[in-house]
């Protein structure tokens, strides 16, 4: 099987796509990674030297300024798929399937979307510049052979938001565990992600940090691509950290905390859990689905509740170790091999359906 897999070098899809590609190649799938948006950094290219990367120079759907740019990117990917004679395409942005220019089956993986984000974080009428993006996402969902989401909670939110007859197929994300150095445990709280994103709700954690006797460090960009930004009064931002630095911080087994209002899956939580960090998470459907019984839950906007939960965990060595053990045990379910195996089953299903349709037509 030859697969064309889309990715970009500026978001979490990079890690998802490269992990998936390696696991699929171990199962006999030839994977071509079509990169959209800015080119990868030298360190990213070095880390992906075992993979086939194709720099397309095409615009990312979430950075595009017009719907025509997104449609043009989809058309160009369809031509690339044809030229490389692939059997299947996996789009990590469903909007790229709008117009359905592909002559092979398309599996669209929806990692998030503006409509469900808006409904969870802001509410009310969509702004004008969101409407055409949502329309393209909707069109792409309906044009794809199969739609996949990383959690059941997000699948149901997608079904309701786009009035789909059936919910998307669910395949949980996986992550290759980080190589952890030998580091003594330290007393601090830690969070990571797109700090500027209102959906990550860092404002609540910043207020919670004021009541903590230990520091709360926040890793990730403070400014988004459209100029969105956040400033901190009490939490301590550490900027964007590389994989080695992230592993060093997680190896100290801090309390990992997320107050997200919106999270279709949460790879940062999985990375922390895999390292044995105790988890304090917002009580939202996705986190309940994935981590119930393996994390402490707090209402998303309850800064005092987050401060209390972090302090309790930090102050009780036995409980801290036990919650870390539970998190690590649960994280083992969400591994790259399981993700790749489930995706391969999905690929074979859509290819078999195409073969059946061709026979029926004949």
Protein backbone atom coordinates (compact mmCIF):
# COMPACT_ATOMS: atom_id res chain seq x y z
CA UNK A 1 0.00 0.00 0.00
CA UNK A 2 1.27 3.46 -0.87
CA UNK A 3 -0.14 6.31 1.23
CA UNK A 4 0.03 10.08 0.82
CA UNK A 5 -0.16 11.63 4.29
CA UNK A 6 -0.44 15.38 4.83
CA UNK A 7 1.33 17.22 7.62
CA UNK A 8 2.74 20.59 8.58
CA UNK A 9 5.81 21.61 10.54
CA UNK A 10 4.20 24.24 12.76
CA UNK A 11 1.65 22.31 14.81
CA UNK A 12 1.01 19.07 16.67
CA UNK A 13 0.17 17.30 13.40
CA UNK A 14 3.92 17.09 12.73
CA UNK A 15 4.46 14.76 15.67
CA UNK A 16 1.28 12.80 14.95
CA UNK A 17 2.17 12.31 11.28
CA UNK A 18 5.81 11.36 11.77
CA UNK A 19 4.98 8.88 14.55
CA UNK A 20 2.20 7.36 12.44
CA UNK A 21 4.37 7.17 9.31
CA UNK A 22 7.10 5.24 11.10
CA UNK A 23 4.66 2.77 12.60
CA UNK A 24 2.92 2.24 9.26
CA UNK A 25 6.20 1.69 7.46
CA UNK A 26 6.93 -1.06 9.96
CA UNK A 27 3.73 -2.70 8.70
CA UNK A 28 4.72 -2.57 5.05
CA UNK A 29 3.02 0.69 4.05
CA UNK A 30 5.01 3.10 1.89
CA UNK A 31 4.29 6.56 3.29
CA UNK A 32 4.87 9.84 1.48
CA UNK A 33 4.45 12.88 3.75
CA UNK A 34 3.19 15.95 1.88
CA UNK A 35 4.14 19.04 3.87
CA UNK A 36 2.00 22.16 3.71
CA UNK A 37 2.89 25.56 5.10
CA UNK A 38 6.36 26.69 6.24
CA UNK A 39 9.25 24.30 5.62
CA UNK A 40 10.50 22.17 8.52
CA UNK A 41 13.41 23.39 10.60
CA UNK A 42 16.83 21.78 10.29
CA UNK A 43 16.24 19.89 13.54
CA UNK A 44 12.86 18.63 12.31
CA UNK A 45 14.39 17.42 9.06
CA UNK A 46 17.14 15.65 10.97
CA UNK A 47 14.59 13.96 13.23
CA UNK A 48 12.62 12.85 10.15
CA UNK A 49 15.57 11.74 8.04
CA UNK A 50 14.16 8.21 7.91
CA UNK A 51 10.91 9.45 6.32
CA UNK A 52 9.99 10.63 2.81
CA UNK A 53 9.08 14.32 3.00
CA UNK A 54 7.65 16.28 0.07
CA UNK A 55 7.72 20.06 0.47
CA UNK A 56 4.66 21.17 -1.48
CA UNK A 57 4.82 24.89 -0.68
CA UNK A 58 1.02 24.82 -0.42
CA UNK A 59 -0.88 26.97 2.03
CA UNK A 60 -2.16 25.53 5.30
CA UNK A 61 -5.93 25.63 5.57
CA UNK A 62 -5.87 27.45 8.91
CA UNK A 63 -3.45 30.10 7.63
CA UNK A 64 -5.22 30.63 4.28
CA UNK A 65 -6.88 33.99 3.71
CA UNK A 66 -9.43 32.84 1.13
CA UNK A 67 -11.37 29.64 0.39
CA UNK A 68 -9.76 29.57 -3.05
CA UNK A 69 -6.35 28.99 -1.45
CA UNK A 70 -7.65 25.95 0.39
CA UNK A 71 -9.35 24.54 -2.71
CA UNK A 72 -6.19 25.11 -4.74
CA UNK A 73 -4.16 23.21 -2.14
CA UNK A 74 -6.62 20.31 -2.29
CA UNK A 75 -6.46 20.22 -6.09
CA UNK A 76 -2.66 20.26 -6.02
CA UNK A 77 -2.59 17.39 -3.52
CA UNK A 78 -4.93 15.40 -5.77
CA UNK A 79 -2.50 15.87 -8.67
CA UNK A 80 0.41 14.87 -6.44
CA UNK A 81 -1.45 11.73 -5.37
CA UNK A 82 -2.06 10.88 -8.99
CA UNK A 83 1.56 11.55 -10.01
CA UNK A 84 2.93 9.42 -7.18
CA UNK A 85 0.40 6.66 -7.92
CA UNK A 86 -0.75 6.32 -4.33
CA UNK A 87 -3.53 3.97 -3.29
CA UNK A 88 -4.93 6.19 -0.57
CA UNK A 89 -4.72 9.70 0.85
CA UNK A 90 -4.94 10.72 4.51
CA UNK A 91 -5.74 14.39 4.94
CA UNK A 92 -5.09 15.80 8.40
CA UNK A 93 -7.29 18.75 7.47
CA UNK A 94 -10.72 17.71 6.12
CA UNK A 95 -11.20 21.04 4.33
CA UNK A 96 -8.62 19.90 1.77
CA UNK A 97 -11.13 17.33 0.53
CA UNK A 98 -13.68 20.03 -0.36
CA UNK A 99 -14.39 19.73 -4.06
CA UNK A 100 -13.41 16.05 -4.07
CA UNK A 101 -10.70 16.24 -6.75
CA UNK A 102 -9.08 13.00 -5.57
CA UNK A 103 -9.40 9.85 -7.68
CA UNK A 104 -8.41 7.56 -4.78
CA UNK A 105 -10.14 7.10 -1.42
CA UNK A 106 -9.59 9.86 1.14
CA UNK A 107 -9.43 9.33 4.89
CA UNK A 108 -9.87 12.69 6.61
CA UNK A 109 -8.66 12.95 10.19
CA UNK A 110 -10.26 15.84 12.05
CA UNK A 111 -7.93 16.79 14.90
CA UNK A 112 -10.03 19.85 15.78
CA UNK A 113 -12.28 22.37 14.07
CA UNK A 114 -13.25 26.02 14.37
CA UNK A 115 -16.97 25.39 14.84
CA UNK A 116 -16.66 23.05 17.82
CA UNK A 117 -13.88 25.25 19.26
CA UNK A 118 -16.09 28.33 18.98
CA UNK A 119 -19.07 26.60 20.56
CA UNK A 120 -16.95 25.35 23.48
CA UNK A 121 -14.88 28.47 24.11
CA UNK A 122 -16.73 31.59 22.87
CA UNK A 123 -20.34 30.82 21.91
CA UNK A 124 -22.80 32.87 19.88
CA UNK A 125 -22.74 33.73 16.17
CA UNK A 126 -19.65 32.81 14.18
CA UNK A 127 -17.53 35.73 12.92
CA UNK A 128 -17.48 36.23 9.16
CA UNK A 129 -13.91 34.97 8.67
CA UNK A 130 -14.85 31.71 10.40
CA UNK A 131 -17.90 30.97 8.28
CA UNK A 132 -16.19 30.05 5.02
CA UNK A 133 -13.65 27.94 6.91
CA UNK A 134 -16.42 26.04 8.66
CA UNK A 135 -18.23 25.60 5.33
CA UNK A 136 -15.11 24.09 3.73
CA UNK A 137 -14.58 21.80 6.72
CA UNK A 138 -18.19 20.66 6.41
CA UNK A 139 -17.82 20.05 2.67
CA UNK A 140 -14.60 18.11 3.23
CA UNK A 141 -16.18 15.89 5.89
CA UNK A 142 -18.95 14.91 3.48
CA UNK A 143 -16.60 14.40 0.51
CA UNK A 144 -14.24 12.02 2.34
CA UNK A 145 -14.46 8.25 2.17
CA UNK A 146 -14.03 8.05 5.94
CA UNK A 147 -13.75 10.65 8.71
CA UNK A 148 -11.67 9.84 11.79
CA UNK A 149 -11.50 11.71 15.11
CA UNK A 150 -9.14 11.04 18.04
CA UNK A 151 -11.82 10.64 20.72
CA UNK A 152 -15.47 9.63 21.03
CA UNK A 153 -16.31 12.91 22.75
CA UNK A 154 -15.01 14.88 19.78
CA UNK A 155 -16.71 12.51 17.33
CA UNK A 156 -20.07 13.22 18.95
CA UNK A 157 -19.39 16.97 19.07
CA UNK A 158 -18.54 16.84 15.35
CA UNK A 159 -21.68 14.86 14.52
CA UNK A 160 -23.88 17.38 16.33
CA UNK A 161 -22.13 20.49 15.03
CA UNK A 162 -22.23 19.40 11.37
CA UNK A 163 -25.53 17.49 11.57
CA UNK A 164 -23.94 14.27 10.31
CA UNK A 165 -26.04 11.12 10.04
CA UNK A 166 -23.40 9.13 11.88
CA UNK A 167 -20.53 10.12 14.11
CA UNK A 168 -16.98 9.89 12.71
CA UNK A 169 -14.91 6.77 13.26
CA UNK A 170 -12.82 6.97 16.44
CA UNK A 171 -9.12 6.09 16.55
CA UNK A 172 -7.31 7.32 19.63
CA UNK A 173 -4.04 9.14 19.05
CA UNK A 174 -0.80 7.52 20.09
CA UNK A 175 2.57 8.93 21.00
CA UNK A 176 6.01 7.39 21.11
CA UNK A 177 7.26 7.81 24.72
CA UNK A 178 9.92 10.44 25.21
CA UNK A 179 13.44 9.34 26.11
CA UNK A 180 13.59 10.49 29.72
CA UNK A 181 16.91 11.37 31.36
CA UNK A 182 17.70 10.45 34.97
CA UNK A 183 16.35 13.43 36.94
CA UNK A 184 15.43 13.69 40.61
CA UNK A 185 11.76 14.52 41.29
CA UNK A 186 11.05 18.23 41.71
CA UNK A 187 8.09 20.04 43.25
CA UNK A 188 6.44 22.12 40.56
CA UNK A 189 3.41 22.16 38.30
CA UNK A 190 3.75 22.10 34.53
CA UNK A 191 1.58 22.66 31.48
CA UNK A 192 2.32 22.75 27.77
CA UNK A 193 0.57 23.64 24.53
CA UNK A 194 -0.56 26.66 22.53
CA UNK A 195 -0.61 29.07 25.45
CA UNK A 196 -2.23 31.83 23.38
CA UNK A 197 -5.25 29.67 22.49
CA UNK A 198 -8.26 30.66 24.60
CA UNK A 199 -9.38 27.05 24.41
CA UNK A 200 -6.36 26.06 26.54
CA UNK A 201 -7.67 28.37 29.29
CA UNK A 202 -4.28 29.49 30.62
CA UNK A 203 -5.92 32.48 32.29
CA UNK A 204 -7.44 30.13 34.89
CA UNK A 205 -4.08 28.47 35.53
CA UNK A 206 -2.40 31.86 35.84
CA UNK A 207 -4.84 32.76 38.62
CA UNK A 208 -4.34 29.35 40.23
CA UNK A 209 -0.57 29.87 40.23
CA UNK A 210 -0.99 32.84 42.59
CA UNK A 211 -2.18 30.46 45.33
CA UNK A 212 0.57 27.86 44.90
CA UNK A 213 3.64 27.44 47.06
CA UNK A 214 5.45 25.92 44.07
CA UNK A 215 6.00 27.39 40.60
CA UNK A 216 3.69 26.59 37.69
CA UNK A 217 5.72 26.53 34.46
CA UNK A 218 4.03 26.90 31.07
CA UNK A 219 5.77 25.72 27.89
CA UNK A 220 4.66 26.77 24.43
CA UNK A 221 4.13 29.82 22.23
CA UNK A 222 2.55 32.88 23.84
CA UNK A 223 1.58 34.46 20.50
CA UNK A 224 -0.53 32.82 17.81
CA UNK A 225 -0.35 33.12 14.00
CA UNK A 226 -3.03 35.83 13.89
CA UNK A 227 -1.50 37.88 16.70
CA UNK A 228 -3.46 36.36 19.58
CA UNK A 229 -1.36 36.63 22.73
CA UNK A 230 -1.40 35.99 26.44
CA UNK A 231 0.54 37.51 29.31
CA UNK A 232 1.11 35.97 32.71
CA UNK A 233 1.07 37.48 36.18
CA UNK A 234 1.80 34.38 38.24
CA UNK A 235 2.56 31.37 36.02
CA UNK A 236 6.08 31.22 34.60
CA UNK A 237 6.28 30.88 30.81
CA UNK A 238 9.38 29.09 29.52
CA UNK A 239 8.79 29.54 25.79
CA UNK A 240 8.76 26.85 23.14
CA UNK A 241 10.84 23.88 24.26
CA UNK A 242 12.28 21.11 22.15
CA UNK A 243 11.70 17.42 22.75
CA UNK A 244 14.87 17.00 24.79
CA UNK A 245 14.01 19.88 27.12
CA UNK A 246 10.42 18.71 27.43
CA UNK A 247 11.66 15.25 28.39
CA UNK A 248 13.97 16.76 31.01
CA UNK A 249 11.11 18.66 32.64
CA UNK A 250 8.70 15.73 32.56
CA UNK A 251 11.34 13.39 33.95
CA UNK A 252 11.12 15.37 37.22
CA UNK A 253 7.54 14.08 37.54
CA UNK A 254 5.84 17.43 38.12
CA UNK A 255 2.08 17.69 38.48
CA UNK A 256 0.92 18.12 34.89
CA UNK A 257 -2.11 20.35 34.67
CA UNK A 258 -4.52 21.29 31.88
CA UNK A 259 -7.53 23.57 32.35
CA UNK A 260 -8.59 23.23 28.71
CA UNK A 261 -12.11 24.24 27.75
CA UNK A 262 -11.69 22.49 24.40
CA UNK A 263 -9.46 19.52 23.69
CA UNK A 264 -10.24 16.87 21.04
CA UNK A 265 -7.48 14.65 22.46
CA UNK A 266 -4.47 16.30 24.14
CA UNK A 267 -1.06 14.95 23.13
CA UNK A 268 0.70 17.02 25.82
CA UNK A 269 -1.33 15.25 28.49
CA UNK A 270 -0.38 11.89 26.98
CA UNK A 271 3.31 12.80 26.94
CA UNK A 272 3.17 13.77 30.61
CA UNK A 273 1.21 10.67 31.59
CA UNK A 274 3.66 8.43 29.72
CA UNK A 275 6.43 9.98 31.81
CA UNK A 276 4.61 9.08 35.02
CA UNK A 277 3.44 12.58 35.92
CA UNK A 278 0.30 12.87 38.06
CA UNK A 279 -2.48 14.64 36.15
CA UNK A 280 -4.81 17.44 37.22
CA UNK A 281 -7.25 18.05 34.37
CA UNK A 282 -10.33 20.09 33.56
CA UNK A 283 -13.53 18.11 33.81
CA UNK A 284 -14.48 18.06 30.13
CA UNK A 285 -15.88 15.10 28.13
CA UNK A 286 -12.64 14.29 26.29
CA UNK A 287 -10.51 14.12 29.42
CA UNK A 288 -13.15 12.06 31.23
CA UNK A 289 -13.23 9.61 28.33
CA UNK A 290 -9.47 9.18 28.22
CA UNK A 291 -8.32 9.64 31.80
CA UNK A 292 -11.22 8.85 34.17
CA UNK A 293 -9.76 6.97 37.13
CA UNK A 294 -6.22 8.07 36.26
CA UNK A 295 -6.41 11.83 36.93
CA UNK A 296 -7.83 14.40 39.33
CA UNK A 297 -10.60 16.48 37.73
CA UNK A 298 -11.50 20.11 38.38
CA UNK A 299 -14.21 22.33 36.88
CA UNK A 300 -12.53 24.20 34.00
CA UNK A 301 -12.91 27.76 35.37
CA UNK A 302 -12.26 26.92 39.04
CA UNK A 303 -8.81 28.42 39.66
CA UNK A 304 -9.09 27.78 43.42
CA UNK A 305 -9.97 24.16 42.69
CA UNK A 306 -6.90 23.75 40.47
CA UNK A 307 -4.65 25.33 43.10
CA UNK A 308 -6.04 23.03 45.80
CA UNK A 309 -5.70 19.88 43.65
CA UNK A 310 -2.12 20.71 42.68
CA UNK A 311 -1.18 21.52 46.28
CA UNK A 312 -2.71 18.29 47.61
CA UNK A 313 -0.81 16.23 45.08
CA UNK A 314 2.49 18.00 45.65
CA UNK A 315 2.12 17.67 49.42
CA UNK A 316 1.49 13.92 49.52
CA UNK A 317 4.39 11.86 48.15
CA UNK A 318 2.48 8.59 48.25
CA UNK A 319 -0.56 10.00 46.45
CA UNK A 320 1.67 11.74 43.93
CA UNK A 321 3.45 8.48 43.11
CA UNK A 322 0.18 6.56 42.91
CA UNK A 323 -1.47 9.07 40.55
CA UNK A 324 1.68 9.06 38.43
CA UNK A 325 1.56 5.28 38.24
CA UNK A 326 -2.11 5.32 37.25
CA UNK A 327 -1.47 7.92 34.56
CA UNK A 328 1.44 5.95 33.10
CA UNK A 329 -0.58 2.74 33.11
CA UNK A 330 -3.46 4.44 31.28
CA UNK A 331 -1.12 6.12 28.81
CA UNK A 332 0.07 2.70 27.67
CA UNK A 333 -3.32 2.25 25.97
CA UNK A 334 -2.67 5.20 23.69
CA UNK A 335 0.43 4.02 21.90
CA UNK A 336 1.63 4.51 18.35
CA UNK A 337 1.43 0.81 17.44
CA UNK A 338 -2.25 0.62 18.41
CA UNK A 339 -2.97 3.83 16.50
CA UNK A 340 -1.20 2.57 13.37
CA UNK A 341 -2.90 -0.84 13.55
CA UNK A 342 -6.33 0.79 13.80
CA UNK A 343 -5.56 3.20 10.96
CA UNK A 344 -4.43 0.32 8.77
CA UNK A 345 -7.72 -1.46 9.39
CA UNK A 346 -9.53 1.75 8.40
CA UNK A 347 -7.44 2.10 5.22
CA UNK A 348 -8.16 -1.47 4.17
CA UNK A 349 -11.85 -0.91 4.81
CA UNK A 350 -12.12 2.08 2.48
CA UNK A 351 -10.01 0.35 -0.17
CA UNK A 352 -12.22 -2.74 0.02
CA UNK A 353 -15.31 -0.55 -0.28
CA UNK A 354 -13.86 1.08 -3.41
CA UNK A 355 -13.16 -2.35 -4.91
CA UNK A 356 -16.70 -3.45 -4.13
CA UNK A 357 -18.16 -0.34 -5.74
CA UNK A 358 -16.06 -0.88 -8.85
CA UNK A 359 -17.25 -4.48 -9.15
CA UNK A 360 -20.85 -3.42 -8.67
CA UNK A 361 -20.50 -0.78 -11.39
CA UNK A 362 -19.02 -3.35 -13.76
